[in-house]
Amino acid sequence: QVQLVESGGGLVQAGGSLKLSCAASGGTFSGYVMGWFRQAPGKEREFVARFRWNGGSTYYADPVKGRFTISRDNAKNTVYLQMNSLKPEDTAVYYCAAGRRLMAVVGRDYDYWGQGTQVTVSS
């Protein structure tokens, strides 16, 4: 059974950095699209970034473009989200997701989800 476990969230000042991790297990992920989403209090879940595990271009939502970087470690079956120049509006619970639909930018296109990790950016 596929499991995704996020870690790395926390409290950081505006302008700071955090690196989130998503450890994937229970499957072979070479054919998957891995995505990051976030949900702030009172707001809908929002797409952040995605990439194809076996290659291909990454894609970022406009609010994070140039500040966030998605990457992977094949040996560890782990996906990362490096977040730089953080802003208070980046405060949210961040979720890792896996699915097989290419170009996926909405939650319903992903089949598996992690439990989320809280990121809080203070001003």
C-alpha atoms as a PDB file:
ATOM      1  CA  GLN A   1       0.000   0.000   0.000  1.00  0.00           C
ATOM      2  CA  VAL A   2       1.362   3.380  -1.008  1.00  0.00           C
ATOM      3  CA  GLN A   3       2.268   5.648   1.867  1.00  0.00           C
ATOM      4  CA  LEU A   4       3.523   9.212   1.791  1.00  0.00           C
ATOM      5  CA  VAL A   5       4.958  10.791   4.915  1.00  0.00           C
ATOM      6  CA  GLU A   6       5.842  14.474   5.004  1.00  0.00           C
ATOM      7  CA  SER A   7       8.269  16.109   7.389  1.00  0.00           C
ATOM      8  CA  GLY A   8      10.297  19.267   7.738  1.00  0.00           C
ATOM      9  CA  GLY A   9       7.638  21.823   8.518  1.00  0.00           C
ATOM     10  CA  GLY A  10       7.996  24.386  11.256  1.00  0.00           C
ATOM     11  CA  LEU A  11       8.052  28.049  12.186  1.00  0.00           C
ATOM     12  CA  VAL A  12      10.310  30.397  10.248  1.00  0.00           C
ATOM     13  CA  GLN A  13      10.628  34.148   9.865  1.00  0.00           C
ATOM     14  CA  ALA A  14       9.757  35.870   6.623  1.00  0.00           C
ATOM     15  CA  GLY A  15      12.662  35.631   4.218  1.00  0.00           C
ATOM     16  CA  GLY A  16      13.815  32.348   5.673  1.00  0.00           C
ATOM     17  CA  SER A  17      13.950  28.842   4.207  1.00  0.00           C
ATOM     18  CA  LEU A  18      12.584  25.400   4.922  1.00  0.00           C
ATOM     19  CA  LYS A  19      13.016  22.068   3.176  1.00  0.00           C
ATOM     20  CA  LEU A  20      10.105  19.677   3.242  1.00  0.00           C
ATOM     21  CA  SER A  21      10.522  15.954   2.680  1.00  0.00           C
ATOM     22  CA  CYS A  22       8.054  13.360   1.452  1.00  0.00           C
ATOM     23  CA  ALA A  23       9.088   9.762   2.020  1.00  0.00           C
ATOM     24  CA  ALA A  24       7.278   7.404  -0.333  1.00  0.00           C
ATOM     25  CA  SER A  25       6.830   3.689   0.265  1.00  0.00           C
ATOM     26  CA  GLY A  26       4.700   0.725  -0.733  1.00  0.00           C
ATOM     27  CA  GLY A  27       5.029   1.064  -4.474  1.00  0.00           C
ATOM     28  CA  THR A  28       7.197   1.717  -7.498  1.00  0.00           C
ATOM     29  CA  PHE A  29       7.094   5.410  -8.197  1.00  0.00           C
ATOM     30  CA  SER A  30       8.983   5.651 -11.460  1.00  0.00           C
ATOM     31  CA  GLY A  31       5.751   6.164 -13.384  1.00  0.00           C
ATOM     32  CA  TYR A  32       4.190   8.591 -10.956  1.00  0.00           C
ATOM     33  CA  VAL A  33       3.726  12.317 -10.907  1.00  0.00           C
ATOM     34  CA  MET A  34       4.624  13.724  -7.503  1.00  0.00           C
ATOM     35  CA  GLY A  35       2.990  16.907  -6.372  1.00  0.00           C
ATOM     36  CA  TRP A  36       2.989  19.339  -3.496  1.00  0.00           C
ATOM     37  CA  PHE A  37      -0.158  21.133  -2.405  1.00  0.00           C
ATOM     38  CA  ARG A  38      -0.932  23.458   0.464  1.00  0.00           C
ATOM     39  CA  GLN A  39      -3.986  24.545   2.377  1.00  0.00           C
ATOM     40  CA  ALA A  40      -4.168  27.674   4.484  1.00  0.00           C
ATOM     41  CA  PRO A  41      -6.841  28.143   7.163  1.00  0.00           C
ATOM     42  CA  GLY A  42     -10.166  29.016   5.605  1.00  0.00           C
ATOM     43  CA  LYS A  43      -8.877  28.521   2.079  1.00  0.00           C
ATOM     44  CA  GLU A  44      -9.114  25.797  -0.499  1.00  0.00           C
ATOM     45  CA  ARG A  45      -6.274  23.423  -1.194  1.00  0.00           C
ATOM     46  CA  GLU A  46      -3.814  24.968  -3.626  1.00  0.00           C
ATOM     47  CA  PHE A  47      -1.394  23.379  -6.079  1.00  0.00           C
ATOM     48  CA  VAL A  48       2.254  24.259  -5.435  1.00  0.00           C
ATOM     49  CA  ALA A  49       4.519  22.165  -7.646  1.00  0.00           C
ATOM     50  CA  ARG A  50       4.868  18.819  -9.418  1.00  0.00           C
ATOM     51  CA  PHE A  51       7.302  16.682 -11.375  1.00  0.00           C
ATOM     52  CA  ARG A  52       7.439  13.261 -12.980  1.00  0.00           C
ATOM     53  CA  TRP A  53       9.501  10.808 -11.002  1.00  0.00           C
ATOM     54  CA  ASN A  54      11.138   9.276 -14.113  1.00  0.00           C
ATOM     55  CA  GLY A  55      12.074  12.587 -15.668  1.00  0.00           C
ATOM     56  CA  GLY A  56      10.448  15.471 -17.390  1.00  0.00           C
ATOM     57  CA  SER A  57      10.013  19.085 -16.561  1.00  0.00           C
ATOM     58  CA  THR A  58       8.897  20.423 -13.240  1.00  0.00           C
ATOM     59  CA  TYR A  59       5.995  22.828 -12.949  1.00  0.00           C
ATOM     60  CA  TYR A  60       5.353  25.460 -10.336  1.00  0.00           C
ATOM     61  CA  ALA A  61       2.404  27.588  -9.400  1.00  0.00           C
ATOM     62  CA  ASP A  62       2.986  31.276 -10.046  1.00  0.00           C
ATOM     63  CA  PRO A  63       3.006  32.312  -6.350  1.00  0.00           C
ATOM     64  CA  VAL A  64       6.033  30.090  -5.656  1.00  0.00           C
ATOM     65  CA  LYS A  65       7.886  30.243  -8.952  1.00  0.00           C
ATOM     66  CA  GLY A  66      11.497  31.236  -8.457  1.00  0.00           C
ATOM     67  CA  ARG A  67      11.346  30.617  -4.700  1.00  0.00           C
ATOM     68  CA  PHE A  68      10.448  26.924  -4.373  1.00  0.00           C
ATOM     69  CA  THR A  69      12.271  23.954  -5.911  1.00  0.00           C
ATOM     70  CA  ILE A  70      10.991  20.390  -6.112  1.00  0.00           C
ATOM     71  CA  SER A  71      13.528  17.550  -6.301  1.00  0.00           C
ATOM     72  CA  ARG A  72      13.946  13.859  -5.521  1.00  0.00           C
ATOM     73  CA  ASP A  73      16.359  11.302  -4.163  1.00  0.00           C
ATOM     74  CA  ASN A  74      15.778   8.037  -5.988  1.00  0.00           C
ATOM     75  CA  ALA A  75      17.804   5.983  -3.535  1.00  0.00           C
ATOM     76  CA  LYS A  76      15.691   7.187  -0.643  1.00  0.00           C
ATOM     77  CA  ASN A  77      12.365   7.286  -2.512  1.00  0.00           C
ATOM     78  CA  THR A  78      12.004  10.790  -1.186  1.00  0.00           C
ATOM     79  CA  VAL A  79      10.694  13.980  -2.741  1.00  0.00           C
ATOM     80  CA  TYR A  80      11.743  17.377  -1.452  1.00  0.00           C
ATOM     81  CA  LEU A  81      10.359  20.878  -1.585  1.00  0.00           C
ATOM     82  CA  GLN A  82      13.002  23.508  -0.944  1.00  0.00           C
ATOM     83  CA  MET A  83      11.285  26.745   0.021  1.00  0.00           C
ATOM     84  CA  ASN A  84      13.281  29.971   0.002  1.00  0.00           C
ATOM     85  CA  SER A  85      12.359  33.614   0.552  1.00  0.00           C
ATOM     86  CA  LEU A  86       9.325  32.532   2.512  1.00  0.00           C
ATOM     87  CA  LYS A  87       6.458  34.950   2.988  1.00  0.00           C
ATOM     88  CA  PRO A  88       3.667  35.022   5.587  1.00  0.00           C
ATOM     89  CA  GLU A  89       1.225  34.082   2.826  1.00  0.00           C
ATOM     90  CA  ASP A  90       3.095  30.782   2.424  1.00  0.00           C
ATOM     91  CA  THR A  91       1.731  29.731   5.816  1.00  0.00           C
ATOM     92  CA  ALA A  92      -0.271  26.532   5.312  1.00  0.00           C
ATOM     93  CA  VAL A  93      -0.354  22.802   5.798  1.00  0.00           C
ATOM     94  CA  TYR A  94       1.725  21.305   3.003  1.00  0.00           C
ATOM     95  CA  TYR A  95       0.785  17.967   1.475  1.00  0.00           C
ATOM     96  CA  CYS A  96       2.660  15.565  -0.733  1.00  0.00           C
ATOM     97  CA  ALA A  97       0.657  13.635  -3.320  1.00  0.00           C
ATOM     98  CA  ALA A  98       1.227  10.940  -5.940  1.00  0.00           C
ATOM     99  CA  GLY A  99      -0.734  10.114  -9.049  1.00  0.00           C
ATOM    100  CA  ARG A 100      -0.437   8.891 -12.610  1.00  0.00           C
ATOM    101  CA  ARG A 101      -2.114  11.702 -14.510  1.00  0.00           C
ATOM    102  CA  LEU A 102       0.360  13.825 -16.432  1.00  0.00           C
ATOM    103  CA  MET A 103       0.114  17.602 -16.146  1.00  0.00           C
ATOM    104  CA  ALA A 104      -1.836  17.147 -12.912  1.00  0.00           C
ATOM    105  CA  VAL A 105      -2.443  20.402 -11.040  1.00  0.00           C
ATOM    106  CA  VAL A 106      -5.653  19.649  -9.162  1.00  0.00           C
ATOM    107  CA  GLY A 107      -6.112  17.454  -6.161  1.00  0.00           C
ATOM    108  CA  ARG A 108      -8.572  15.052  -7.765  1.00  0.00           C
ATOM    109  CA  ASP A 109      -5.872  13.971 -10.224  1.00  0.00           C
ATOM    110  CA  TYR A 110      -3.795  12.498  -7.414  1.00  0.00           C
ATOM    111  CA  ASP A 111      -4.449   9.112  -5.858  1.00  0.00           C
ATOM    112  CA  TYR A 112      -2.337   9.128  -2.720  1.00  0.00           C
ATOM    113  CA  TRP A 113      -1.783  11.781  -0.080  1.00  0.00           C
ATOM    114  CA  GLY A 114       0.375  12.300   2.941  1.00  0.00           C
ATOM    115  CA  GLN A 115      -0.862  13.565   6.270  1.00  0.00           C
ATOM    116  CA  GLY A 116       0.565  17.050   5.828  1.00  0.00           C
ATOM    117  CA  THR A 117       3.146  19.158   7.614  1.00  0.00           C
ATOM    118  CA  GLN A 118       2.545  22.639   9.015  1.00  0.00           C
ATOM    119  CA  VAL A 119       4.575  25.569   7.740  1.00  0.00           C
ATOM    120  CA  THR A 120       4.197  28.871   9.565  1.00  0.00           C
ATOM    121  CA  VAL A 121       5.948  32.018   8.363  1.00  0.00           C
ATOM    122  CA  SER A 122       6.002  34.932  10.778  1.00  0.00           C
ATOM    123  CA  SER A 123       6.274  38.525   9.627  1.00  0.00           C
END
